[in-house]
């Protein structure tokens, strides 16, 4: 009997204790009503006969959705999307009361389908394959958050992981994208050629200006050299004139007569026979007559 009571008490103790994991939040309900505060990770004791412990995940969760989405041109696009979200721990009691534990089916999926259909219907099918995909994802996320965050759900991201277009449309989009890429390539080539022509024009104008400047500089140099030569000749002429004037002013008649006498004396001292022919008007004769 004691053993039965002992094992019964152990079973009762174990059934009245639960462990809230690190990624969970616990909430006690008594007779279907939420009682007390939320329970953080760790052991939680409760009366198993009248109380129930509800554990809710608050870590980031991934909800995958596969559905058909409409496009602006009226096509049906098959997509595989993911919603990354987590529950605000403080709102767990409200979620249990207002939305229930089937919140993905009751709230998140219906709101996502409505938001995704409305947003995608304003874009062309090709936009879902281009850089506008992130724009579409962000618009869906905003629409989803407007409803879900009020209910206690934090929407982290909306991802359009896979977009499947009709075969014919995929081919036409590929052809159009190839044409657009070719047009961009040709535009790049033409722009590069245009810049090369502009560069050559600038170089030609620069060479022309350089030649003109060199010609002007050469002409100026020749002019300066000519002026320098003229000035040099003028200075030289003035110097010669001044020298002659100084020479003329320094030579007198007496000096000339003296030089003439010296010349005759040198001739007379020579041993050779000499004959001097004169018209009788020479300076020496005049000088002898004066004596």
C-alpha atoms as a PDB file:
ATOM      1  CA  UNK A   1       0.000   0.000   0.000  1.00  0.00           C
ATOM      2  CA  UNK A   2       2.806   2.378   0.880  1.00  0.00           C
ATOM      3  CA  UNK A   3       4.521   1.569  -2.401  1.00  0.00           C
ATOM      4  CA  UNK A   4       1.334   2.378  -4.314  1.00  0.00           C
ATOM      5  CA  UNK A   5       1.000   5.689  -2.498  1.00  0.00           C
ATOM      6  CA  UNK A   6       4.673   6.459  -3.129  1.00  0.00           C
ATOM      7  CA  UNK A   7       4.478   5.759  -6.846  1.00  0.00           C
ATOM      8  CA  UNK A   8       1.183   7.628  -7.023  1.00  0.00           C
ATOM      9  CA  UNK A   9       2.736  10.700  -5.460  1.00  0.00           C
ATOM     10  CA  UNK A  10       5.659  10.511  -7.878  1.00  0.00           C
ATOM     11  CA  UNK A  11       3.289  10.283 -10.845  1.00  0.00           C
ATOM     12  CA  UNK A  12       1.254  13.197  -9.481  1.00  0.00           C
ATOM     13  CA  UNK A  13       4.424  15.266  -8.988  1.00  0.00           C
ATOM     14  CA  UNK A  14       5.643  14.560 -12.503  1.00  0.00           C
ATOM     15  CA  UNK A  15       2.278  15.354 -14.044  1.00  0.00           C
ATOM     16  CA  UNK A  16       2.125  18.665 -12.164  1.00  0.00           C
ATOM     17  CA  UNK A  17       5.480  19.871 -13.535  1.00  0.00           C
ATOM     18  CA  UNK A  18       6.378  20.866 -17.092  1.00  0.00           C
ATOM     19  CA  UNK A  19       9.504  22.250 -18.730  1.00  0.00           C
ATOM     20  CA  UNK A  20       9.299  25.364 -20.900  1.00  0.00           C
ATOM     21  CA  UNK A  21      12.063  25.163 -23.517  1.00  0.00           C
ATOM     22  CA  UNK A  22      14.389  28.122 -24.368  1.00  0.00           C
ATOM     23  CA  UNK A  23      12.470  28.891 -27.576  1.00  0.00           C
ATOM     24  CA  UNK A  24       9.055  28.736 -25.870  1.00  0.00           C
ATOM     25  CA  UNK A  25       6.771  30.778 -23.683  1.00  0.00           C
ATOM     26  CA  UNK A  26       4.323  29.092 -21.318  1.00  0.00           C
ATOM     27  CA  UNK A  27       0.803  30.203 -20.379  1.00  0.00           C
ATOM     28  CA  UNK A  28      -1.421  28.598 -17.718  1.00  0.00           C
ATOM     29  CA  UNK A  29      -5.129  28.121 -18.340  1.00  0.00           C
ATOM     30  CA  UNK A  30      -7.544  27.158 -15.574  1.00  0.00           C
ATOM     31  CA  UNK A  31     -10.958  25.924 -16.601  1.00  0.00           C
ATOM     32  CA  UNK A  32     -10.221  27.294 -20.091  1.00  0.00           C
ATOM     33  CA  UNK A  33      -9.271  30.756 -18.855  1.00  0.00           C
ATOM     34  CA  UNK A  34      -5.774  32.222 -18.893  1.00  0.00           C
ATOM     35  CA  UNK A  35      -4.448  32.669 -15.372  1.00  0.00           C
ATOM     36  CA  UNK A  36      -1.323  34.412 -14.145  1.00  0.00           C
ATOM     37  CA  UNK A  37       1.595  35.799 -16.082  1.00  0.00           C
ATOM     38  CA  UNK A  38       3.470  34.205 -18.964  1.00  0.00           C
ATOM     39  CA  UNK A  39       6.056  31.621 -17.966  1.00  0.00           C
ATOM     40  CA  UNK A  40       9.628  31.999 -19.161  1.00  0.00           C
ATOM     41  CA  UNK A  41      11.861  29.010 -20.016  1.00  0.00           C
ATOM     42  CA  UNK A  42      12.369  26.647 -17.078  1.00  0.00           C
ATOM     43  CA  UNK A  43      10.277  24.317 -14.881  1.00  0.00           C
ATOM     44  CA  UNK A  44       6.649  25.279 -14.233  1.00  0.00           C
ATOM     45  CA  UNK A  45       4.463  23.671 -11.554  1.00  0.00           C
ATOM     46  CA  UNK A  46       0.682  23.561 -11.834  1.00  0.00           C
ATOM     47  CA  UNK A  47      -2.378  21.565 -10.772  1.00  0.00           C
ATOM     48  CA  UNK A  48      -2.873  18.994 -13.550  1.00  0.00           C
ATOM     49  CA  UNK A  49      -6.551  18.445 -12.612  1.00  0.00           C
ATOM     50  CA  UNK A  50      -7.755  21.988 -13.231  1.00  0.00           C
ATOM     51  CA  UNK A  51      -4.823  23.725 -14.969  1.00  0.00           C
ATOM     52  CA  UNK A  52      -3.204  23.242 -18.339  1.00  0.00           C
ATOM     53  CA  UNK A  53       0.134  24.678 -19.481  1.00  0.00           C
ATOM     54  CA  UNK A  54       0.164  25.887 -23.101  1.00  0.00           C
ATOM     55  CA  UNK A  55       3.612  26.262 -24.672  1.00  0.00           C
ATOM     56  CA  UNK A  56       4.067  28.523 -27.706  1.00  0.00           C
ATOM     57  CA  UNK A  57       7.189  28.838 -29.923  1.00  0.00           C
ATOM     58  CA  UNK A  58       8.588  32.366 -30.081  1.00  0.00           C
ATOM     59  CA  UNK A  59      11.609  31.677 -32.321  1.00  0.00           C
ATOM     60  CA  UNK A  60      11.705  32.572 -36.008  1.00  0.00           C
ATOM     61  CA  UNK A  61       9.485  30.262 -38.024  1.00  0.00           C
ATOM     62  CA  UNK A  62       9.332  29.612 -41.765  1.00  0.00           C
ATOM     63  CA  UNK A  63       5.924  29.237 -43.381  1.00  0.00           C
ATOM     64  CA  UNK A  64       6.151  27.901 -46.958  1.00  0.00           C
ATOM     65  CA  UNK A  65       3.307  28.630 -49.364  1.00  0.00           C
ATOM     66  CA  UNK A  66       2.705  27.303 -52.886  1.00  0.00           C
ATOM     67  CA  UNK A  67       0.023  29.047 -54.901  1.00  0.00           C
ATOM     68  CA  UNK A  68      -0.901  30.722 -58.173  1.00  0.00           C
ATOM     69  CA  UNK A  69      -0.579  34.488 -58.415  1.00  0.00           C
ATOM     70  CA  UNK A  70      -2.134  36.794 -61.023  1.00  0.00           C
ATOM     71  CA  UNK A  71      -0.089  39.230 -63.116  1.00  0.00           C
ATOM     72  CA  UNK A  72      -0.976  42.587 -64.622  1.00  0.00           C
ATOM     73  CA  UNK A  73      -1.439  41.110 -68.102  1.00  0.00           C
ATOM     74  CA  UNK A  74      -3.880  38.502 -66.735  1.00  0.00           C
ATOM     75  CA  UNK A  75      -1.521  35.509 -66.581  1.00  0.00           C
ATOM     76  CA  UNK A  76      -1.423  32.972 -63.767  1.00  0.00           C
ATOM     77  CA  UNK A  77       2.015  32.578 -62.241  1.00  0.00           C
ATOM     78  CA  UNK A  78       2.880  29.638 -60.019  1.00  0.00           C
ATOM     79  CA  UNK A  79       5.016  30.667 -57.067  1.00  0.00           C
ATOM     80  CA  UNK A  80       6.631  29.163 -53.999  1.00  0.00           C
ATOM     81  CA  UNK A  81       6.974  31.711 -51.214  1.00  0.00           C
ATOM     82  CA  UNK A  82       8.249  31.801 -47.647  1.00  0.00           C
ATOM     83  CA  UNK A  83       7.177  33.953 -44.727  1.00  0.00           C
ATOM     84  CA  UNK A  84       9.707  34.390 -41.937  1.00  0.00           C
ATOM     85  CA  UNK A  85       8.036  35.526 -38.720  1.00  0.00           C
ATOM     86  CA  UNK A  86       8.099  35.187 -34.962  1.00  0.00           C
ATOM     87  CA  UNK A  87       5.628  35.762 -32.125  1.00  0.00           C
ATOM     88  CA  UNK A  88       6.003  38.661 -29.739  1.00  0.00           C
ATOM     89  CA  UNK A  89       6.378  36.939 -26.359  1.00  0.00           C
ATOM     90  CA  UNK A  90       4.349  39.578 -24.515  1.00  0.00           C
ATOM     91  CA  UNK A  91       1.404  38.992 -26.868  1.00  0.00           C
ATOM     92  CA  UNK A  92       1.163  35.209 -26.388  1.00  0.00           C
ATOM     93  CA  UNK A  93      -1.906  35.408 -24.086  1.00  0.00           C
ATOM     94  CA  UNK A  94      -3.658  37.702 -26.568  1.00  0.00           C
ATOM     95  CA  UNK A  95      -2.848  35.363 -29.463  1.00  0.00           C
ATOM     96  CA  UNK A  96      -4.267  32.371 -27.595  1.00  0.00           C
ATOM     97  CA  UNK A  97      -7.449  34.267 -26.745  1.00  0.00           C
ATOM     98  CA  UNK A  98      -8.068  36.090 -30.037  1.00  0.00           C
ATOM     99  CA  UNK A  99      -6.418  34.009 -32.791  1.00  0.00           C
ATOM    100  CA  UNK A 100      -5.820  30.572 -31.335  1.00  0.00           C
ATOM    101  CA  UNK A 101      -2.955  28.184 -31.809  1.00  0.00           C
ATOM    102  CA  UNK A 102      -3.875  27.582 -35.451  1.00  0.00           C
ATOM    103  CA  UNK A 103      -2.791  31.137 -36.219  1.00  0.00           C
ATOM    104  CA  UNK A 104      -1.025  30.212 -39.481  1.00  0.00           C
ATOM    105  CA  UNK A 105      -4.239  28.841 -41.026  1.00  0.00           C
ATOM    106  CA  UNK A 106      -6.535  31.336 -39.337  1.00  0.00           C
ATOM    107  CA  UNK A 107      -4.538  34.545 -39.849  1.00  0.00           C
ATOM    108  CA  UNK A 108      -1.182  34.529 -41.617  1.00  0.00           C
ATOM    109  CA  UNK A 109      -2.060  32.473 -44.726  1.00  0.00           C
ATOM    110  CA  UNK A 110      -5.323  34.290 -45.572  1.00  0.00           C
ATOM    111  CA  UNK A 111      -3.733  37.723 -45.143  1.00  0.00           C
ATOM    112  CA  UNK A 112      -0.705  36.698 -47.239  1.00  0.00           C
ATOM    113  CA  UNK A 113      -2.828  35.315 -50.097  1.00  0.00           C
ATOM    114  CA  UNK A 114      -4.892  38.489 -50.223  1.00  0.00           C
ATOM    115  CA  UNK A 115      -1.855  40.793 -50.082  1.00  0.00           C
ATOM    116  CA  UNK A 116       0.171  38.758 -52.608  1.00  0.00           C
ATOM    117  CA  UNK A 117      -2.675  38.622 -55.131  1.00  0.00           C
ATOM    118  CA  UNK A 118      -3.349  42.344 -54.824  1.00  0.00           C
ATOM    119  CA  UNK A 119       0.319  43.340 -55.137  1.00  0.00           C
ATOM    120  CA  UNK A 120       1.253  40.946 -57.962  1.00  0.00           C
ATOM    121  CA  UNK A 121      -1.771  41.973 -60.026  1.00  0.00           C
ATOM    122  CA  UNK A 122      -0.147  45.428 -60.386  1.00  0.00           C
ATOM    123  CA  UNK A 123       3.084  44.026 -61.876  1.00  0.00           C
ATOM    124  CA  UNK A 124       3.884  42.334 -65.161  1.00  0.00           C
ATOM    125  CA  UNK A 125       4.979  38.712 -65.093  1.00  0.00           C
ATOM    126  CA  UNK A 126       8.482  39.640 -66.242  1.00  0.00           C
ATOM    127  CA  UNK A 127       8.853  41.926 -63.217  1.00  0.00           C
ATOM    128  CA  UNK A 128       8.844  38.888 -60.948  1.00  0.00           C
ATOM    129  CA  UNK A 129      12.028  37.721 -62.694  1.00  0.00           C
ATOM    130  CA  UNK A 130      13.749  41.114 -62.664  1.00  0.00           C
ATOM    131  CA  UNK A 131      15.077  43.498 -60.065  1.00  0.00           C
ATOM    132  CA  UNK A 132      11.494  44.401 -59.160  1.00  0.00           C
ATOM    133  CA  UNK A 133      11.102  41.086 -57.309  1.00  0.00           C
ATOM    134  CA  UNK A 134      12.502  42.635 -54.116  1.00  0.00           C
ATOM    135  CA  UNK A 135      10.072  45.532 -54.539  1.00  0.00           C
ATOM    136  CA  UNK A 136       7.160  43.081 -54.792  1.00  0.00           C
ATOM    137  CA  UNK A 137       8.384  41.161 -51.737  1.00  0.00           C
ATOM    138  CA  UNK A 138       8.636  44.348 -49.697  1.00  0.00           C
ATOM    139  CA  UNK A 139       5.124  45.499 -50.636  1.00  0.00           C
ATOM    140  CA  UNK A 140       3.648  42.132 -49.644  1.00  0.00           C
ATOM    141  CA  UNK A 141       5.563  42.264 -46.355  1.00  0.00           C
ATOM    142  CA  UNK A 142       4.192  45.743 -45.574  1.00  0.00           C
ATOM    143  CA  UNK A 143       0.618  44.654 -46.316  1.00  0.00           C
ATOM    144  CA  UNK A 144       1.044  41.511 -44.196  1.00  0.00           C
ATOM    145  CA  UNK A 145       2.594  43.414 -41.283  1.00  0.00           C
ATOM    146  CA  UNK A 146      -0.240  45.954 -41.204  1.00  0.00           C
ATOM    147  CA  UNK A 147      -2.605  43.204 -40.075  1.00  0.00           C
ATOM    148  CA  UNK A 148      -0.425  40.645 -38.303  1.00  0.00           C
ATOM    149  CA  UNK A 149       1.677  42.925 -36.089  1.00  0.00           C
ATOM    150  CA  UNK A 150      -1.459  44.189 -34.386  1.00  0.00           C
ATOM    151  CA  UNK A 151      -2.194  40.565 -33.508  1.00  0.00           C
ATOM    152  CA  UNK A 152       1.234  39.940 -31.986  1.00  0.00           C
ATOM    153  CA  UNK A 153       3.177  38.564 -35.002  1.00  0.00           C
ATOM    154  CA  UNK A 154       6.417  40.166 -36.211  1.00  0.00           C
ATOM    155  CA  UNK A 155       6.912  39.695 -39.971  1.00  0.00           C
ATOM    156  CA  UNK A 156      10.629  39.487 -40.713  1.00  0.00           C
ATOM    157  CA  UNK A 157      10.682  38.753 -44.449  1.00  0.00           C
ATOM    158  CA  UNK A 158       8.556  37.671 -47.376  1.00  0.00           C
ATOM    159  CA  UNK A 159      10.510  35.751 -50.020  1.00  0.00           C
ATOM    160  CA  UNK A 160       9.371  34.764 -53.503  1.00  0.00           C
ATOM    161  CA  UNK A 161      11.684  31.770 -53.766  1.00  0.00           C
ATOM    162  CA  UNK A 162      10.432  30.293 -57.021  1.00  0.00           C
ATOM    163  CA  UNK A 163       8.469  31.827 -59.902  1.00  0.00           C
ATOM    164  CA  UNK A 164       7.268  29.568 -62.730  1.00  0.00           C
ATOM    165  CA  UNK A 165       6.016  31.329 -65.858  1.00  0.00           C
ATOM    166  CA  UNK A 166       4.209  29.753 -68.824  1.00  0.00           C
ATOM    167  CA  UNK A 167       6.696  28.214 -71.268  1.00  0.00           C
ATOM    168  CA  UNK A 168       5.879  30.579 -74.138  1.00  0.00           C
ATOM    169  CA  UNK A 169       6.086  33.630 -71.911  1.00  0.00           C
ATOM    170  CA  UNK A 170       9.420  32.505 -70.492  1.00  0.00           C
ATOM    171  CA  UNK A 171      10.864  32.238 -73.991  1.00  0.00           C
ATOM    172  CA  UNK A 172       9.537  35.636 -75.041  1.00  0.00           C
ATOM    173  CA  UNK A 173      10.923  37.225 -71.879  1.00  0.00           C
ATOM    174  CA  UNK A 174      14.307  35.659 -72.530  1.00  0.00           C
ATOM    175  CA  UNK A 175      14.279  36.971 -76.117  1.00  0.00           C
ATOM    176  CA  UNK A 176      13.288  40.440 -74.940  1.00  0.00           C
ATOM    177  CA  UNK A 177      15.950  40.461 -72.237  1.00  0.00           C
ATOM    178  CA  UNK A 178      18.566  39.377 -74.775  1.00  0.00           C
ATOM    179  CA  UNK A 179      17.437  42.182 -77.098  1.00  0.00           C
ATOM    180  CA  UNK A 180      17.612  44.701 -74.258  1.00  0.00           C
ATOM    181  CA  UNK A 181      21.097  43.491 -73.321  1.00  0.00           C
ATOM    182  CA  UNK A 182      22.219  43.736 -76.953  1.00  0.00           C
ATOM    183  CA  UNK A 183      20.795  47.256 -77.160  1.00  0.00           C
ATOM    184  CA  UNK A 184      22.650  48.221 -73.997  1.00  0.00           C
ATOM    185  CA  UNK A 185      25.842  46.694 -75.397  1.00  0.00           C
ATOM    186  CA  UNK A 186      25.499  48.651 -78.654  1.00  0.00           C
ATOM    187  CA  UNK A 187      24.752  51.820 -76.708  1.00  0.00           C
ATOM    188  CA  UNK A 188      27.917  51.243 -74.709  1.00  0.00           C
ATOM    189  CA  UNK A 189      29.958  50.707 -77.891  1.00  0.00           C
ATOM    190  CA  UNK A 190      28.526  53.839 -79.531  1.00  0.00           C
ATOM    191  CA  UNK A 191      29.170  55.868 -76.394  1.00  0.00           C
ATOM    192  CA  UNK A 192      32.753  54.606 -76.262  1.00  0.00           C
ATOM    193  CA  UNK A 193      33.278  55.455 -79.959  1.00  0.00           C
ATOM    194  CA  UNK A 194      31.775  58.900 -79.418  1.00  0.00           C
ATOM    195  CA  UNK A 195      34.143  59.545 -76.522  1.00  0.00           C
ATOM    196  CA  UNK A 196      37.074  58.352 -78.653  1.00  0.00           C
ATOM    197  CA  UNK A 197      36.121  60.792 -81.430  1.00  0.00           C
ATOM    198  CA  UNK A 198      35.808  63.595 -78.883  1.00  0.00           C
ATOM    199  CA  UNK A 199      39.225  62.682 -77.522  1.00  0.00           C
ATOM    200  CA  UNK A 200      40.756  62.780 -81.017  1.00  0.00           C
ATOM    201  CA  UNK A 201      39.124  66.149 -81.702  1.00  0.00           C
ATOM    202  CA  UNK A 202      40.506  67.530 -78.454  1.00  0.00           C
ATOM    203  CA  UNK A 203      43.959  66.172 -79.282  1.00  0.00           C
ATOM    204  CA  UNK A 204      43.799  67.679 -82.809  1.00  0.00           C
ATOM    205  CA  UNK A 205      42.708  71.044 -81.442  1.00  0.00           C
ATOM    206  CA  UNK A 206      45.467  70.847 -78.875  1.00  0.00           C
ATOM    207  CA  UNK A 207      48.052  70.014 -81.560  1.00  0.00           C
ATOM    208  CA  UNK A 208      46.750  72.869 -83.715  1.00  0.00           C
ATOM    209  CA  UNK A 209      46.990  75.306 -80.830  1.00  0.00           C
ATOM    210  CA  UNK A 210      50.450  74.005 -79.997  1.00  0.00           C
ATOM    211  CA  UNK A 211      51.613  74.529 -83.609  1.00  0.00           C
ATOM    212  CA  UNK A 212      50.122  78.023 -83.656  1.00  0.00           C
ATOM    213  CA  UNK A 213      51.793  78.902 -80.375  1.00  0.00           C
ATOM    214  CA  UNK A 214      55.114  77.530 -81.621  1.00  0.00           C
ATOM    215  CA  UNK A 215      54.818  79.562 -84.852  1.00  0.00           C
ATOM    216  CA  UNK A 216      54.005  82.736 -82.958  1.00  0.00           C
ATOM    217  CA  UNK A 217      56.879  82.072 -80.561  1.00  0.00           C
ATOM    218  CA  UNK A 218      59.291  81.496 -83.481  1.00  0.00           C
ATOM    219  CA  UNK A 219      58.164  84.693 -85.218  1.00  0.00           C
ATOM    220  CA  UNK A 220      58.555  86.643 -82.000  1.00  0.00           C
ATOM    221  CA  UNK A 221      62.021  85.163 -81.487  1.00  0.00           C
ATOM    222  CA  UNK A 222      63.043  86.126 -85.038  1.00  0.00           C
ATOM    223  CA  UNK A 223      61.714  89.654 -84.493  1.00  0.00           C
ATOM    224  CA  UNK A 224      63.668  89.963 -81.256  1.00  0.00           C
ATOM    225  CA  UNK A 225      66.830  88.640 -82.946  1.00  0.00           C
ATOM    226  CA  UNK A 226      66.414  91.120 -85.832  1.00  0.00           C
ATOM    227  CA  UNK A 227      65.889  93.975 -83.425  1.00  0.00           C
ATOM    228  CA  UNK A 228      68.933  92.812 -81.474  1.00  0.00           C
ATOM    229  CA  UNK A 229      71.107  92.692 -84.605  1.00  0.00           C
ATOM    230  CA  UNK A 230      69.895  96.144 -85.689  1.00  0.00           C
ATOM    231  CA  UNK A 231      70.560  97.498 -82.249  1.00  0.00           C
ATOM    232  CA  UNK A 232      74.006  95.887 -82.246  1.00  0.00           C
ATOM    233  CA  UNK A 233      74.873  97.417 -85.645  1.00  0.00           C
ATOM    234  CA  UNK A 234      73.645 100.801 -84.465  1.00  0.00           C
ATOM    235  CA  UNK A 235      75.718 100.572 -81.284  1.00  0.00           C
ATOM    236  CA  UNK A 236      78.765  99.417 -83.268  1.00  0.00           C
ATOM    237  CA  UNK A 237      78.357 102.290 -85.738  1.00  0.00           C
ATOM    238  CA  UNK A 238      78.079 104.776 -82.930  1.00  0.00           C
ATOM    239  CA  UNK A 239      81.157 103.289 -81.286  1.00  0.00           C
ATOM    240  CA  UNK A 240      83.149 103.521 -84.554  1.00  0.00           C
ATOM    241  CA  UNK A 241      82.018 107.097 -85.061  1.00  0.00           C
ATOM    242  CA  UNK A 242      82.962 108.035 -81.518  1.00  0.00           C
ATOM    243  CA  UNK A 243      86.361 106.352 -81.960  1.00  0.00           C
ATOM    244  CA  UNK A 244      86.986 108.185 -85.233  1.00  0.00           C
ATOM    245  CA  UNK A 245      85.880 111.465 -83.692  1.00  0.00           C
ATOM    246  CA  UNK A 246      88.208 110.894 -80.766  1.00  0.00           C
ATOM    247  CA  UNK A 247      91.050 109.951 -83.138  1.00  0.00           C
ATOM    248  CA  UNK A 248      90.474 112.955 -85.366  1.00  0.00           C
ATOM    249  CA  UNK A 249      90.299 115.274 -82.405  1.00  0.00           C
ATOM    250  CA  UNK A 250      93.569 113.894 -80.990  1.00  0.00           C
ATOM    251  CA  UNK A 251      95.675 114.250 -84.231  1.00  0.00           C
ATOM    252  CA  UNK A 252      97.061 117.783 -84.847  1.00  0.00           C
ATOM    253  CA  UNK A 253      99.103 119.265 -87.779  1.00  0.00           C
ATOM    254  CA  UNK A 254     102.313 119.360 -85.743  1.00  0.00           C
ATOM    255  CA  UNK A 255     102.002 115.676 -84.924  1.00  0.00           C
ATOM    256  CA  UNK A 256     101.570 114.843 -88.577  1.00  0.00           C
ATOM    257  CA  UNK A 257     104.663 116.900 -89.497  1.00  0.00           C
ATOM    258  CA  UNK A 258     106.636 115.192 -86.738  1.00  0.00           C
ATOM    259  CA  UNK A 259     105.664 111.777 -88.052  1.00  0.00           C
ATOM    260  CA  UNK A 260     106.662 112.817 -91.571  1.00  0.00           C
ATOM    261  CA  UNK A 261     110.103 114.026 -90.366  1.00  0.00           C
ATOM    262  CA  UNK A 262     110.599 110.744 -88.518  1.00  0.00           C
ATOM    263  CA  UNK A 263     109.824 108.843 -91.669  1.00  0.00           C
ATOM    264  CA  UNK A 264     112.368 110.863 -93.738  1.00  0.00           C
ATOM    265  CA  UNK A 265     115.006 110.444 -91.031  1.00  0.00           C
ATOM    266  CA  UNK A 266     114.586 106.698 -91.121  1.00  0.00           C
ATOM    267  CA  UNK A 267     114.914 106.720 -94.855  1.00  0.00           C
ATOM    268  CA  UNK A 268     118.050 108.926 -94.747  1.00  0.00           C
ATOM    269  CA  UNK A 269     119.759 106.679 -92.215  1.00  0.00           C
ATOM    270  CA  UNK A 270     119.573 103.718 -94.529  1.00  0.00           C
ATOM    271  CA  UNK A 271     122.832 102.679 -96.403  1.00  0.00           C
ATOM    272  CA  UNK A 272     120.982 102.154 -99.629  1.00  0.00           C
ATOM    273  CA  UNK A 273     120.763 104.867-102.270  1.00  0.00           C
ATOM    274  CA  UNK A 274     117.358 106.516-102.336  1.00  0.00           C
ATOM    275  CA  UNK A 275     115.604 108.944-104.592  1.00  0.00           C
ATOM    276  CA  UNK A 276     112.623 110.845-103.287  1.00  0.00           C
ATOM    277  CA  UNK A 277     110.394 112.426-105.892  1.00  0.00           C
ATOM    278  CA  UNK A 278     108.029 115.114-104.721  1.00  0.00           C
ATOM    279  CA  UNK A 279     106.105 118.012-106.200  1.00  0.00           C
ATOM    280  CA  UNK A 280     107.765 120.426-103.814  1.00  0.00           C
ATOM    281  CA  UNK A 281     104.673 120.863-101.752  1.00  0.00           C
ATOM    282  CA  UNK A 282     105.454 118.236 -99.194  1.00  0.00           C
ATOM    283  CA  UNK A 283     105.425 118.995 -95.533  1.00  0.00           C
ATOM    284  CA  UNK A 284     109.136 118.415 -95.071  1.00  0.00           C
ATOM    285  CA  UNK A 285     110.106 120.929 -97.782  1.00  0.00           C
ATOM    286  CA  UNK A 286     107.642 123.373 -96.387  1.00  0.00           C
ATOM    287  CA  UNK A 287     109.153 122.846 -92.992  1.00  0.00           C
ATOM    288  CA  UNK A 288     112.723 123.424 -94.349  1.00  0.00           C
ATOM    289  CA  UNK A 289     111.556 126.566 -96.112  1.00  0.00           C
ATOM    290  CA  UNK A 290     110.033 127.762 -92.885  1.00  0.00           C
ATOM    291  CA  UNK A 291     113.398 127.276 -91.197  1.00  0.00           C
END
